[in-house]
Every structure is written in C-alpha cells, then in structure tokens.
Amino acid sequence: MIRTKNRACTGKRRHDSREDAEDHRQRLIARGSIRLTTYPCRNRDCGGWHVGHLPKPRTTR
C-alpha cells in the first residue's frame, strides 16, 4: 500500500490531462479493477491527474 499523506503524489502515475487519466482508468477497469475514479492532483508542483480507488462505503452500526 502506498501511503501518500504528506508526500502528495509520490508513487502515483501522473497524467497530463483528465482524458488521459480517464483512458487509463478504463483500461484498468477492463482488466478487472473496480471502484476507480480520476481526480486532479492537489500538489501544485505536479499539476496532473491521477487514478485512484474510491473510498469504501461507510456502514452504519
């Protein structure tokens, strides 16, 4: 598992545009990955887009 807290996008694949990230997401889904999303990087130095997993749904107790 890659921990990214305080390390911005270290270890993540950077995409120049949302379209590139979305294409990569679709290829991952075709290979069996699930619950993926594309999002802009919060790191100003990166300025790219990434593909990541959606958080697991919360369950109520």
Protein backbone atom coordinates (compact mmCIF):
# COMPACT_ATOMS: atom_id res chain seq x y z
CA MET A 1 0.00 0.00 0.00
CA ILE A 2 1.34 3.42 -0.89
CA ARG A 3 0.92 5.94 1.89
CA THR A 4 0.62 9.42 0.43
CA LYS A 5 -0.03 11.55 3.47
CA ASN A 6 2.43 14.46 3.43
CA ARG A 7 4.02 13.11 0.26
CA ALA A 8 1.49 14.40 -2.29
CA CYS A 9 1.66 12.24 -5.41
CA THR A 10 4.81 10.21 -4.72
CA GLY A 11 4.39 6.74 -6.22
CA LYS A 12 1.39 7.63 -8.36
CA ARG A 13 1.22 7.69 -12.15
CA ARG A 14 0.80 11.25 -13.43
CA HIS A 15 -1.42 12.03 -16.44
CA ASP A 16 -1.23 15.33 -18.32
CA SER A 17 -4.99 15.60 -18.83
CA ARG A 18 -8.25 14.30 -17.46
CA GLU A 19 -8.82 12.46 -20.74
CA ASP A 20 -5.50 10.58 -20.40
CA ALA A 21 -6.35 9.63 -16.83
CA GLU A 22 -9.84 8.52 -17.87
CA ASP A 23 -8.38 6.34 -20.66
CA HIS A 24 -6.05 4.72 -18.12
CA ARG A 25 -8.97 4.20 -15.71
CA GLN A 26 -10.99 2.48 -18.44
CA ARG A 27 -8.06 0.13 -19.23
CA LEU A 28 -7.76 -0.77 -15.55
CA ILE A 29 -11.50 -1.45 -15.33
CA ALA A 30 -11.28 -3.69 -18.43
CA ARG A 31 -8.58 -5.70 -16.60
CA GLY A 32 -10.83 -6.19 -13.57
CA SER A 33 -10.22 -3.22 -11.28
CA ILE A 34 -13.29 -1.74 -9.65
CA ARG A 35 -14.35 1.46 -7.88
CA LEU A 36 -11.81 3.74 -9.58
CA THR A 37 -12.01 7.48 -10.13
CA THR A 38 -9.91 10.19 -11.77
CA TYR A 39 -9.00 13.32 -9.85
CA PRO A 40 -6.76 16.38 -10.18
CA CYS A 41 -3.62 16.32 -8.06
CA ARG A 42 -3.63 18.64 -5.05
CA ASN A 43 0.13 19.11 -5.31
CA ARG A 44 0.82 22.40 -7.13
CA ASP A 45 4.17 21.11 -8.37
CA CYS A 46 2.53 18.15 -10.10
CA GLY A 47 -0.48 19.79 -11.75
CA GLY A 48 -1.51 16.49 -13.29
CA TRP A 49 -4.33 13.97 -12.93
CA HIS A 50 -4.31 10.62 -11.13
CA VAL A 51 -6.43 7.46 -10.98
CA GLY A 52 -7.34 6.13 -7.57
CA HIS A 53 -9.77 3.97 -5.67
CA LEU A 54 -12.99 5.34 -4.28
CA PRO A 55 -13.33 5.04 -0.51
CA LYS A 56 -15.25 2.04 0.76
CA PRO A 57 -18.88 2.79 1.60
CA ARG A 58 -19.44 3.53 5.27
CA THR A 59 -21.61 1.14 7.20
CA THR A 60 -23.87 2.27 10.00
CA ARG A 61 -23.90 0.50 13.31
